[in-house]
Amino acid sequence: MNHLLRLRLFCACALGFTAGPAHGAPAQRPNILLLLPDQMRASAMGVAGNPDVQSPHIDRLAREGIRFKRTYANVPVCCPARAILLTGTYPQVNGMMANDLRLRESETTIAELLREAGYRTGFVGKWHLDGGPREPGFIPPGPRRQGFDFWAAYECHHQHFLPYYFRDTPEMILVPKFEPEASCDFAVEFIKTKSAERPFFLMVQMGPPHDPYGAPDDYMKRYDPAKLTMPKSWQPNSESRPASNAIPPKYRRPDSPNATYVKTGGREELAAYYAAITAVDDQVGRLLQTLKDTGQDENTIILFTSDHGDMLGSHGMRRKRKPHEESAGVPGLIRWPARIPAGREVDTLFSHIDMPATLLGLAGLPVPEKMQGADLSRVALGQTTAGPAAVLLQIFVPYRPDQITMPWRGLITDRYTYARHENAPWVLFDNQRDPAQMTNLAADPTHDKLRGELDAQLAALMASKRDAWSFNSPEFVEENARLYGKATYYSVQDYLAVSQAEQRTNR
């Protein structure tokens, strides 16, 4: 952590300074629980109007708190999104411009800030910020944990039916449960170890509903693929992968559970996606009950979001890295019974970059000047609906498996979604007239004036956030395990320098 920031935070706390609504000594500050299932799009909740998905506990968070209806991932892909959530800075500042880089230990994270303010800190689940080989995935205690003390995590795997974790030693802990339940076992352990003197900050980052798509039979039986209401933009056969055994071969035994990942490209994958969300939802309910049983419910802030969404065949597209609602749109629910009015929904633009500042604001702690997002704690508390004029969207490198052949930038305003490559517009949607984003207006000459205005707004927004097209790389660095197959890199430039040196050596 930056020593100047640490000194400023110490002085602010010592003088009784509060930047937000929570006041007093550390013991009086709210607990903070950040829940993040992987790859969950905003529309996949009952409270969002989805007629099929069963999510009563997630819906309860909205019913008893505030729902930001327009919440977005600034960089809708795993590692950059998670780095933004921890640092409150964009990738051009924190360095995490691609998947599988290591977040610099010198970055200041919200966990470090809260720990300095007297919080117990804990992390459970998928980390994906340590870079290098994903397996085995042990991150030792120390700076690479970025301010978290309690630890039950793995770097990155999608072994949903037989997940493994590490604590403070390299000994792998294999848990024969569906990943959300396994992760929440550790979360319950942390919450029950309460302290009368110190509030807690706990991040729980669950693996599902990320592909491969599947869930235990009890959840799968709740969804009949033939009866699902398919989104207007959905197209079948966007991908074709057969069903597969969800237990890795090296762990299979005669008594292994019947665990299957469904085939992709059809209704089955959406049914499995919803089933996994319902499994996540049950664990949300379990954590709510644990907070109540331990007397911590009233003074715990819960932020429920995701790192990005999932196209799942909408517009014929797959997975993430897109500016479309299904990819960039994520849940944005905040519940705090002691202070946040229940049952509010707002259209205020809210994105990952705003979340660290907003949580610090709600906790009454100063927001570091380096953070680039808006503190929307007053919106959460019902005091205003004013917020950012636009959300900045970014993808720095191409990734052909997700149909992204070149980097892009974009913005979302109160009405429009606009994205472009450096040399040409890509998509323009009027979200008021066309909420399903069926008509791309980017090449429509009748919208030339609007496109020019949005280009100017995007250029100004990029400049204000110290972003530039020059940060991009056309290299396919995220493909074929280039960034995590052999070594650890802190930046795309580090990898490219090593790669070029190897090429010269091999000539």
Protein backbone atom coordinates (compact mmCIF):
# COMPACT_ATOMS: atom_id res chain seq x y z
CA MET A 1 0.00 0.00 0.00
CA ASN A 2 1.13 3.55 -0.72
CA HIS A 3 2.61 4.94 2.55
CA LEU A 4 1.14 8.41 2.00
CA LEU A 5 -2.35 6.94 1.69
CA ARG A 6 -1.79 4.91 4.84
CA LEU A 7 -0.73 8.03 6.74
CA ARG A 8 -3.73 10.03 5.47
CA LEU A 9 -6.10 7.25 6.45
CA PHE A 10 -4.56 6.96 9.92
CA CYS A 11 -4.83 10.69 10.49
CA ALA A 12 -8.42 10.81 9.26
CA CYS A 13 -9.46 8.01 11.62
CA ALA A 14 -7.51 9.46 14.55
CA LEU A 15 -9.24 12.82 14.12
CA GLY A 16 -12.68 11.26 13.89
CA PHE A 17 -13.06 12.26 10.22
CA THR A 18 -15.95 10.61 8.35
CA ALA A 19 -16.51 11.04 4.65
CA GLY A 20 -19.87 9.29 4.68
CA PRO A 21 -22.83 8.27 6.79
CA ALA A 22 -21.23 5.83 9.24
CA HIS A 23 -19.64 7.43 12.28
CA GLY A 24 -17.65 6.55 15.38
CA ALA A 25 -14.97 4.02 16.32
CA PRO A 26 -14.22 0.97 14.20
CA ALA A 27 -16.55 -1.23 16.26
CA GLN A 28 -19.47 1.03 15.29
CA ARG A 29 -18.78 0.92 11.58
CA PRO A 30 -20.81 -1.44 9.38
CA ASN A 31 -19.63 -4.84 8.31
CA ILE A 32 -19.26 -5.21 4.54
CA LEU A 33 -20.06 -8.40 2.64
CA LEU A 34 -19.37 -8.34 -1.10
CA LEU A 35 -20.95 -11.28 -2.96
CA LEU A 36 -19.81 -11.96 -6.50
CA PRO A 37 -20.97 -14.99 -8.49
CA ASP A 38 -18.98 -15.35 -11.69
CA GLN A 39 -20.46 -14.39 -15.08
CA MET A 40 -24.00 -13.56 -13.86
CA ARG A 41 -25.85 -11.13 -16.10
CA ALA A 42 -28.18 -8.51 -14.68
CA SER A 43 -31.33 -9.91 -16.27
CA ALA A 44 -30.95 -13.31 -14.56
CA MET A 45 -32.89 -12.36 -11.42
CA GLY A 46 -36.57 -12.47 -10.63
CA VAL A 47 -36.40 -8.89 -9.39
CA ALA A 48 -35.16 -7.85 -12.85
CA GLY A 49 -38.37 -9.16 -14.40
CA ASN A 50 -37.05 -12.57 -15.45
CA PRO A 51 -40.09 -14.90 -15.48
CA ASP A 52 -38.09 -18.12 -15.19
CA VAL A 53 -35.13 -17.85 -12.85
CA GLN A 54 -35.81 -18.66 -9.19
CA SER A 55 -33.85 -16.22 -7.02
CA PRO A 56 -35.92 -15.41 -3.90
CA HIS A 57 -32.98 -14.54 -1.63
CA ILE A 58 -31.24 -12.36 -4.21
CA ASP A 59 -34.60 -10.69 -4.82
CA ARG A 60 -34.85 -10.14 -1.06
CA LEU A 61 -31.62 -8.14 -1.14
CA ALA A 62 -33.28 -5.77 -3.60
CA ARG A 63 -36.58 -5.74 -1.74
CA GLU A 64 -34.84 -4.84 1.53
CA GLY A 65 -32.33 -2.45 -0.01
CA ILE A 66 -31.68 -0.62 -3.26
CA ARG A 67 -31.41 -1.95 -6.78
CA PHE A 68 -29.30 -0.01 -9.23
CA LYS A 69 -31.10 -1.09 -12.39
CA ARG A 70 -28.27 0.10 -14.62
CA THR A 71 -25.13 -1.48 -13.22
CA TYR A 72 -22.21 -2.34 -15.49
CA ALA A 73 -18.82 -3.98 -15.72
CA ASN A 74 -16.41 -1.38 -17.10
CA VAL A 75 -14.20 -4.13 -18.50
CA PRO A 76 -16.49 -7.15 -18.92
CA VAL A 77 -13.92 -9.89 -18.42
CA CYS A 78 -12.75 -11.59 -15.26
CA CYS A 79 -9.34 -10.32 -14.08
CA PRO A 80 -9.66 -6.67 -15.14
CA ALA A 81 -13.10 -6.51 -13.52
CA ARG A 82 -11.85 -7.95 -10.24
CA ALA A 83 -8.87 -5.59 -10.20
CA ILE A 84 -11.20 -2.61 -10.66
CA LEU A 85 -13.38 -3.81 -7.78
CA LEU A 86 -10.35 -4.02 -5.49
CA THR A 87 -8.50 -0.86 -6.48
CA GLY A 88 -11.19 1.54 -7.72
CA THR A 89 -8.95 2.28 -10.71
CA TYR A 90 -9.12 1.39 -14.40
CA PRO A 91 -6.69 -1.09 -16.01
CA GLN A 92 -4.59 1.66 -17.59
CA VAL A 93 -3.81 2.70 -14.01
CA ASN A 94 -3.67 -0.64 -12.15
CA GLY A 95 -2.06 -2.58 -15.03
CA MET A 96 -4.62 -5.40 -15.29
CA MET A 97 -5.41 -5.03 -19.00
CA ALA A 98 -5.88 -8.74 -19.73
CA ASN A 99 -6.83 -11.99 -18.06
CA ASP A 100 -4.19 -13.87 -16.06
CA LEU A 101 -1.83 -11.04 -15.24
CA ARG A 102 -0.74 -10.49 -11.64
CA LEU A 103 -2.10 -7.43 -9.85
CA ARG A 104 0.89 -5.42 -8.66
CA GLU A 105 1.52 -5.73 -4.95
CA SER A 106 2.10 -1.97 -4.84
CA GLU A 107 -1.54 -1.24 -5.69
CA THR A 108 -3.71 0.08 -2.88
CA THR A 109 -6.84 -2.05 -2.43
CA ILE A 110 -10.06 -1.55 -0.54
CA ALA A 111 -9.08 -4.50 1.66
CA GLU A 112 -5.89 -2.72 2.71
CA LEU A 113 -7.78 0.52 3.38
CA LEU A 114 -10.41 -1.22 5.48
CA ARG A 115 -7.81 -3.24 7.38
CA GLU A 116 -5.96 -0.02 8.21
CA ALA A 117 -9.28 1.37 9.48
CA GLY A 118 -9.67 -1.53 11.90
CA TYR A 119 -11.56 -4.12 9.83
CA ARG A 120 -11.04 -7.87 9.85
CA THR A 121 -10.61 -8.85 6.21
CA GLY A 122 -11.46 -12.14 4.53
CA PHE A 123 -11.51 -13.59 1.03
CA VAL A 124 -13.26 -16.75 -0.13
CA GLY A 125 -13.49 -18.35 -3.57
CA LYS A 126 -12.04 -17.51 -6.97
CA TRP A 127 -9.17 -15.01 -6.75
CA HIS A 128 -7.81 -14.82 -10.33
CA LEU A 129 -5.47 -11.92 -9.64
CA ASP A 130 -2.18 -13.72 -9.03
CA GLY A 131 -1.23 -14.44 -12.62
CA GLY A 132 0.95 -17.24 -13.87
CA PRO A 133 -0.04 -20.93 -13.94
CA ARG A 134 -3.58 -21.40 -12.68
CA GLU A 135 -2.75 -24.70 -11.04
CA PRO A 136 -2.26 -25.53 -8.31
CA GLY A 137 -3.40 -22.00 -7.38
CA PHE A 138 -1.91 -21.42 -3.93
CA ILE A 139 -1.35 -17.77 -3.01
CA PRO A 140 0.86 -17.53 0.10
CA PRO A 141 0.11 -15.17 2.97
CA GLY A 142 1.59 -11.75 2.36
CA PRO A 143 1.44 -8.94 -0.18
CA ARG A 144 0.01 -11.07 -3.01
CA ARG A 145 -3.20 -11.39 -0.99
CA GLN A 146 -3.68 -7.65 -1.35
CA GLY A 147 -4.84 -6.93 2.22
CA PHE A 148 -6.88 -10.05 3.03
CA ASP A 149 -6.01 -11.98 6.20
CA PHE A 150 -8.59 -14.79 6.38
CA TRP A 151 -8.16 -16.88 3.23
CA ALA A 152 -9.93 -19.84 1.61
CA ALA A 153 -9.39 -19.44 -2.10
CA TYR A 154 -8.07 -20.71 -5.41
CA GLU A 155 -6.53 -18.83 -8.31
CA CYS A 156 -8.80 -20.01 -11.13
CA HIS A 157 -10.62 -23.23 -11.90
CA HIS A 158 -14.08 -24.15 -13.10
CA GLN A 159 -14.28 -27.43 -11.24
CA HIS A 160 -17.74 -26.58 -9.95
CA PHE A 161 -18.74 -30.01 -8.65
CA LEU A 162 -15.48 -30.83 -6.85
CA PRO A 163 -13.82 -27.51 -6.04
CA TYR A 164 -10.51 -27.16 -4.25
CA TYR A 165 -9.17 -24.40 -2.04
CA PHE A 166 -6.05 -23.34 -0.21
CA ARG A 167 -5.74 -21.75 3.22
CA ASP A 168 -2.33 -20.66 4.55
CA THR A 169 -0.30 -23.66 3.37
CA PRO A 170 0.16 -25.29 -0.06
CA GLU A 171 -2.02 -28.23 1.04
CA MET A 172 -4.96 -28.53 -1.36
CA ILE A 173 -8.40 -28.87 0.24
CA LEU A 174 -10.73 -30.82 -2.08
CA VAL A 175 -14.40 -30.29 -1.18
CA PRO A 176 -17.03 -32.74 -2.53
CA LYS A 177 -19.78 -30.12 -2.80
CA PHE A 178 -21.10 -27.74 -5.45
CA GLU A 179 -18.80 -24.73 -5.41
CA PRO A 180 -21.22 -22.10 -4.02
CA GLU A 181 -21.97 -24.28 -1.00
CA ALA A 182 -18.30 -25.10 -0.49
CA SER A 183 -17.32 -21.43 -0.67
CA CYS A 184 -20.06 -20.40 1.71
CA ASP A 185 -18.94 -23.02 4.25
CA PHE A 186 -15.77 -20.94 4.58
CA ALA A 187 -17.76 -17.69 4.55
CA VAL A 188 -19.94 -18.91 7.41
CA GLU A 189 -16.80 -19.86 9.34
CA PHE A 190 -15.49 -16.31 8.95
CA ILE A 191 -18.79 -14.60 9.87
CA LYS A 192 -19.24 -16.71 12.98
CA THR A 193 -15.78 -15.71 14.20
CA LYS A 194 -17.16 -12.33 15.19
CA SER A 195 -15.34 -9.59 17.05
CA ALA A 196 -16.91 -7.06 19.37
CA GLU A 197 -14.15 -4.56 18.61
CA ARG A 198 -13.70 -4.94 14.85
CA PRO A 199 -16.15 -4.95 11.95
CA PHE A 200 -15.48 -7.24 9.01
CA PHE A 201 -14.97 -6.96 5.28
CA LEU A 202 -15.56 -10.26 3.47
CA MET A 203 -15.49 -10.94 -0.27
CA VAL A 204 -17.10 -14.17 -1.47
CA GLN A 205 -16.44 -14.80 -5.16
CA MET A 206 -18.29 -17.94 -6.25
CA GLY A 207 -17.46 -19.84 -9.45
CA PRO A 208 -20.92 -20.55 -10.96
CA PRO A 209 -22.85 -19.70 -13.06
CA HIS A 210 -19.69 -19.38 -15.23
CA ASP A 211 -19.46 -21.97 -17.98
CA PRO A 212 -19.22 -24.95 -18.24
CA TYR A 213 -22.92 -24.94 -17.41
CA GLY A 214 -24.34 -27.33 -14.86
CA ALA A 215 -25.74 -27.68 -11.35
CA PRO A 216 -26.74 -30.49 -8.98
CA ASP A 217 -29.78 -32.51 -10.03
CA ASP A 218 -32.05 -30.94 -7.40
CA TYR A 219 -31.58 -27.59 -9.12
CA MET A 220 -31.57 -28.87 -12.70
CA LYS A 221 -34.97 -30.51 -12.15
CA ARG A 222 -36.51 -27.10 -11.48
CA TYR A 223 -35.96 -25.93 -15.06
CA ASP A 224 -37.50 -27.43 -18.17
CA PRO A 225 -35.55 -26.11 -21.17
CA ALA A 226 -38.61 -26.37 -23.40
CA LYS A 227 -40.62 -24.05 -21.15
CA LEU A 228 -38.09 -21.24 -20.79
CA THR A 229 -38.87 -17.75 -22.06
CA MET A 230 -35.99 -17.13 -24.43
CA PRO A 231 -34.72 -13.56 -24.80
CA LYS A 232 -35.84 -11.74 -27.93
CA SER A 233 -32.25 -11.55 -29.16
CA TRP A 234 -31.45 -15.24 -28.58
CA GLN A 235 -30.21 -17.33 -31.49
CA PRO A 236 -29.76 -21.12 -31.29
CA ASN A 237 -26.57 -22.93 -32.23
CA SER A 238 -24.22 -20.05 -31.42
CA GLU A 239 -21.79 -22.71 -30.21
CA SER A 240 -21.68 -26.49 -30.23
CA ARG A 241 -19.99 -28.37 -27.43
CA PRO A 242 -21.27 -31.77 -26.27
CA ALA A 243 -22.29 -32.60 -22.73
CA SER A 244 -19.42 -33.77 -20.53
CA ASN A 245 -18.63 -35.39 -17.20
CA ALA A 246 -18.10 -32.62 -14.65
CA ILE A 247 -15.72 -34.65 -12.49
CA PRO A 248 -12.13 -34.42 -13.79
CA PRO A 249 -10.78 -37.86 -14.78
CA LYS A 250 -8.08 -37.91 -12.10
CA TYR A 251 -10.75 -37.59 -9.37
CA ARG A 252 -13.33 -40.04 -10.72
CA ARG A 253 -14.28 -42.96 -8.49
CA PRO A 254 -17.01 -45.63 -8.70
CA ASP A 255 -19.01 -43.64 -6.15
CA SER A 256 -18.50 -40.24 -7.83
CA PRO A 257 -21.67 -38.12 -8.06
CA ASN A 258 -23.66 -37.92 -11.27
CA ALA A 259 -22.36 -34.53 -12.35
CA THR A 260 -22.71 -33.32 -15.92
CA TYR A 261 -22.07 -30.14 -17.84
CA VAL A 262 -24.76 -29.70 -20.47
CA LYS A 263 -24.23 -29.24 -24.19
CA THR A 264 -23.98 -25.66 -25.41
CA GLY A 265 -25.82 -23.69 -28.04
CA GLY A 266 -29.37 -24.62 -27.08
CA ARG A 267 -32.01 -24.09 -24.41
CA GLU A 268 -30.27 -26.60 -22.14
CA GLU A 269 -27.43 -24.23 -21.33
CA LEU A 270 -29.80 -21.46 -20.25
CA ALA A 271 -31.66 -23.92 -18.00
CA ALA A 272 -28.36 -25.01 -16.45
CA TYR A 273 -27.28 -21.37 -16.07
CA TYR A 274 -30.48 -20.57 -14.18
CA ALA A 275 -30.11 -23.73 -12.08
CA ALA A 276 -26.62 -22.64 -11.01
CA ILE A 277 -27.97 -19.19 -10.09
CA THR A 278 -30.64 -20.81 -7.92
CA ALA A 279 -27.88 -22.78 -6.20
CA VAL A 280 -26.03 -19.48 -5.61
CA ASP A 281 -29.30 -17.98 -4.35
CA ASP A 282 -29.69 -20.67 -1.70
CA GLN A 283 -26.26 -19.74 -0.36
CA VAL A 284 -27.23 -16.06 -0.27
CA GLY A 285 -30.13 -17.10 1.92
CA ARG A 286 -27.80 -19.12 4.11
CA LEU A 287 -25.46 -16.14 4.60
CA LEU A 288 -28.40 -13.89 5.45
CA GLN A 289 -29.51 -16.39 8.09
CA THR A 290 -25.98 -16.62 9.49
CA LEU A 291 -25.83 -12.85 9.84
CA LYS A 292 -29.15 -12.90 11.66
CA ASP A 293 -28.16 -15.78 13.93
CA THR A 294 -24.94 -13.98 14.92
CA GLY A 295 -26.65 -10.63 15.54
CA GLN A 296 -24.86 -8.90 12.67
CA ASP A 297 -27.67 -8.55 10.15
CA GLU A 298 -28.77 -4.97 10.82
CA ASN A 299 -25.33 -3.42 10.57
CA THR A 300 -23.96 -5.37 7.60
CA ILE A 301 -23.78 -3.82 4.14
CA ILE A 302 -24.24 -6.45 1.43
CA LEU A 303 -23.22 -5.60 -2.12
CA PHE A 304 -24.30 -8.23 -4.66
CA THR A 305 -22.81 -7.96 -8.15
CA SER A 306 -20.81 -9.95 -10.72
CA ASP A 307 -17.61 -9.50 -12.67
CA HIS A 308 -19.47 -9.54 -16.02
CA GLY A 309 -22.46 -11.13 -17.71
CA ASP A 310 -22.87 -13.84 -20.34
CA MET A 311 -24.26 -13.56 -23.89
CA LEU A 312 -25.53 -17.17 -23.90
CA GLY A 313 -26.45 -16.97 -27.57
CA SER A 314 -28.03 -13.52 -27.53
CA HIS A 315 -27.30 -11.91 -30.90
CA GLY A 316 -25.59 -15.19 -31.76
CA MET A 317 -22.70 -14.31 -29.43
CA ARG A 318 -20.90 -16.13 -26.66
CA ARG A 319 -19.74 -15.29 -23.16
CA LYS A 320 -18.35 -11.81 -22.41
CA ARG A 321 -16.10 -8.91 -23.55
CA LYS A 322 -19.04 -7.22 -25.34
CA PRO A 323 -20.74 -3.84 -24.75
CA HIS A 324 -24.16 -5.49 -25.02
CA GLU A 325 -26.44 -5.61 -21.97
CA GLU A 326 -26.10 -9.38 -21.61
CA SER A 327 -22.31 -9.05 -21.28
CA ALA A 328 -21.70 -5.68 -19.63
CA GLY A 329 -24.83 -5.57 -17.47
CA VAL A 330 -24.43 -7.03 -13.96
CA PRO A 331 -26.49 -7.06 -10.75
CA GLY A 332 -26.17 -4.01 -8.53
CA LEU A 333 -27.92 -4.61 -5.20
CA ILE A 334 -27.02 -3.01 -1.86
CA ARG A 335 -28.73 -3.90 1.41
CA TRP A 336 -28.01 -2.33 4.81
CA PRO A 337 -31.05 -2.58 7.08
CA ALA A 338 -29.71 -0.03 9.57
CA ARG A 339 -29.38 2.79 7.05
CA ILE A 340 -30.52 2.07 3.48
CA PRO A 341 -34.24 2.54 2.79
CA ALA A 342 -35.87 -0.65 1.58
CA GLY A 343 -37.43 -1.32 -1.78
CA ARG A 344 -35.91 1.43 -3.93
CA GLU A 345 -34.96 1.12 -7.59
CA VAL A 346 -32.98 3.80 -9.39
CA ASP A 347 -31.78 4.41 -12.95
CA THR A 348 -28.56 6.02 -11.71
CA LEU A 349 -25.60 4.70 -13.69
CA PHE A 350 -23.45 2.51 -11.43
CA SER A 351 -20.40 0.48 -12.42
CA HIS A 352 -17.51 -1.46 -10.92
CA ILE A 353 -15.31 1.62 -10.79
CA ASP A 354 -17.80 3.25 -8.37
CA MET A 355 -18.15 0.33 -5.99
CA PRO A 356 -15.01 0.71 -3.81
CA ALA A 357 -15.61 4.44 -3.36
CA THR A 358 -19.29 3.83 -2.57
CA LEU A 359 -18.50 1.19 0.05
CA LEU A 360 -15.89 3.43 1.68
CA GLY A 361 -18.40 6.28 1.64
CA LEU A 362 -21.07 4.15 3.32
CA ALA A 363 -18.53 3.11 5.96
CA GLY A 364 -17.68 6.75 6.65
CA LEU A 365 -14.11 6.43 5.44
CA PRO A 366 -12.19 8.77 3.15
CA VAL A 367 -11.99 7.87 -0.53
CA PRO A 368 -8.40 8.05 -1.83
CA GLU A 369 -7.81 10.60 -4.56
CA LYS A 370 -6.36 7.89 -6.79
CA MET A 371 -9.71 6.10 -7.00
CA GLN A 372 -11.40 6.99 -10.28
CA GLY A 373 -15.03 6.17 -9.52
CA ALA A 374 -17.90 8.09 -7.96
CA ASP A 375 -18.96 7.69 -4.34
CA LEU A 376 -22.67 6.92 -4.75
CA SER A 377 -23.35 6.33 -1.06
CA ARG A 378 -25.85 9.21 -1.01
CA VAL A 379 -27.80 7.50 -3.79
CA ALA A 380 -27.82 4.27 -1.80
CA LEU A 381 -29.09 6.15 1.26
CA GLY A 382 -31.96 7.71 -0.68
CA GLN A 383 -30.64 11.27 -0.53
CA THR A 384 -30.26 11.77 -4.30
CA THR A 385 -30.36 9.97 -7.64
CA ALA A 386 -27.57 12.03 -9.23
CA GLY A 387 -24.69 10.03 -10.62
CA PRO A 388 -22.24 9.72 -13.51
CA ALA A 389 -23.29 10.97 -16.95
CA ALA A 390 -21.81 7.88 -18.62
CA VAL A 391 -20.10 4.56 -17.95
CA LEU A 392 -16.75 3.95 -19.65
CA LEU A 393 -16.36 0.49 -21.23
CA GLN A 394 -13.00 -0.95 -22.28
CA ILE A 395 -11.42 -4.02 -23.86
CA PHE A 396 -7.65 -3.75 -24.39
CA VAL A 397 -6.79 -6.96 -26.26
CA PRO A 398 -8.58 -9.24 -28.75
CA TYR A 399 -9.90 -12.70 -27.91
CA ARG A 400 -11.22 -14.69 -30.84
CA PRO A 401 -13.02 -17.44 -28.86
CA ASP A 402 -15.34 -14.66 -27.63
CA GLN A 403 -15.62 -13.19 -31.15
CA ILE A 404 -13.53 -10.15 -30.24
CA THR A 405 -10.97 -9.57 -33.00
CA MET A 406 -9.69 -6.16 -31.94
CA PRO A 407 -9.72 -3.87 -28.88
CA TRP A 408 -12.58 -1.42 -28.39
CA ARG A 409 -13.90 1.38 -26.20
CA GLY A 410 -17.45 2.39 -25.45
CA LEU A 411 -19.82 4.26 -23.22
CA ILE A 412 -23.29 3.85 -21.82
CA THR A 413 -25.39 6.95 -21.20
CA ASP A 414 -28.89 7.37 -19.85
CA ARG A 415 -30.18 6.40 -23.29
CA TYR A 416 -27.48 4.97 -25.55
CA THR A 417 -24.89 2.21 -25.73
CA TYR A 418 -22.06 3.11 -28.09
CA ALA A 419 -18.83 1.27 -28.82
CA ARG A 420 -16.14 1.68 -31.42
CA HIS A 421 -12.80 0.39 -32.53
CA GLU A 422 -10.03 2.95 -32.91
CA ASN A 423 -10.69 3.43 -36.62
CA ALA A 424 -14.41 2.73 -36.96
CA PRO A 425 -17.71 2.66 -35.06
CA TRP A 426 -18.95 -0.77 -34.01
CA VAL A 427 -22.36 -0.66 -32.28
CA LEU A 428 -24.89 2.02 -31.38
CA PHE A 429 -28.12 1.12 -29.60
CA ASP A 430 -31.01 3.32 -28.51
CA ASN A 431 -31.88 1.56 -25.27
CA GLN A 432 -35.12 3.48 -24.78
CA ARG A 433 -36.64 2.57 -28.12
CA ASP A 434 -34.81 -0.73 -28.50
CA PRO A 435 -34.16 -2.29 -25.07
CA ALA A 436 -33.34 -5.68 -26.62
CA GLN A 437 -30.65 -3.98 -28.74
CA MET A 438 -31.91 -5.55 -31.96
CA THR A 439 -31.04 -2.63 -34.27
CA ASN A 440 -27.46 -1.46 -34.62
CA LEU A 441 -27.49 2.22 -35.64
CA ALA A 442 -23.70 2.61 -35.94
CA ALA A 443 -23.73 2.68 -39.75
CA ASP A 444 -27.08 4.46 -40.13
CA PRO A 445 -26.42 7.83 -41.85
CA THR A 446 -29.46 9.37 -40.17
CA HIS A 447 -27.59 9.02 -36.86
CA ASP A 448 -24.33 10.63 -38.00
CA LYS A 449 -24.86 13.67 -35.77
CA LEU A 450 -25.61 11.54 -32.72
CA ARG A 451 -22.61 9.34 -33.41
CA GLY A 452 -20.39 12.40 -33.63
CA GLU A 453 -21.67 13.63 -30.28
CA LEU A 454 -21.06 10.25 -28.68
CA ASP A 455 -17.56 10.09 -30.20
CA ALA A 456 -16.78 13.43 -28.60
CA GLN A 457 -18.24 12.32 -25.28
CA LEU A 458 -16.25 9.08 -25.38
CA ALA A 459 -13.00 10.89 -26.22
CA ALA A 460 -13.53 13.31 -23.34
CA LEU A 461 -14.38 10.48 -20.94
CA MET A 462 -11.27 8.52 -21.95
CA ALA A 463 -9.08 11.59 -21.48
CA SER A 464 -10.56 12.31 -18.05
CA LYS A 465 -9.75 8.75 -16.94
CA ARG A 466 -6.23 8.80 -18.42
CA ASP A 467 -7.17 6.22 -21.04
CA ALA A 468 -5.89 6.18 -24.62
CA TRP A 469 -6.00 3.93 -27.65
CA SER A 470 -2.25 3.47 -27.31
CA PHE A 471 -2.78 1.22 -24.28
CA ASN A 472 -4.26 -1.46 -26.56
CA SER A 473 -2.44 -4.41 -28.07
CA PRO A 474 -3.49 -6.24 -31.25
CA GLU A 475 -1.68 -9.38 -30.08
CA PHE A 476 -3.74 -12.43 -29.10
CA VAL A 477 -2.08 -12.64 -25.71
CA GLU A 478 -5.08 -14.18 -23.93
CA GLU A 479 -5.25 -17.18 -26.24
CA ASN A 480 -3.54 -20.57 -25.88
CA ALA A 481 -2.60 -19.91 -22.24
CA ARG A 482 0.10 -17.44 -23.27
CA LEU A 483 -0.22 -15.41 -20.07
CA TYR A 484 -0.54 -18.31 -17.65
CA GLY A 485 0.99 -21.35 -19.27
CA LYS A 486 4.57 -21.00 -18.02
CA ALA A 487 5.41 -17.72 -16.29
CA THR A 488 3.93 -14.80 -14.38
CA TYR A 489 3.57 -11.34 -15.91
CA TYR A 490 2.45 -8.03 -14.46
CA SER A 491 1.56 -6.47 -17.82
CA VAL A 492 0.94 -7.28 -21.47
CA GLN A 493 4.15 -5.39 -22.25
CA ASP A 494 6.12 -7.70 -19.95
CA TYR A 495 4.85 -10.74 -21.81
CA LEU A 496 5.49 -9.25 -25.23
CA ALA A 497 9.04 -8.31 -24.29
CA VAL A 498 9.80 -11.86 -23.13
CA SER A 499 8.10 -13.35 -26.17
CA GLN A 500 10.05 -11.17 -28.58
CA ALA A 501 13.31 -12.00 -26.82
CA GLU A 502 12.56 -15.72 -27.13
CA GLN A 503 11.81 -15.33 -30.81
CA ARG A 504 15.14 -13.59 -31.39
CA THR A 505 16.96 -16.34 -29.50
CA ASN A 506 15.29 -19.08 -31.56
CA ARG A 507 16.14 -17.55 -34.94
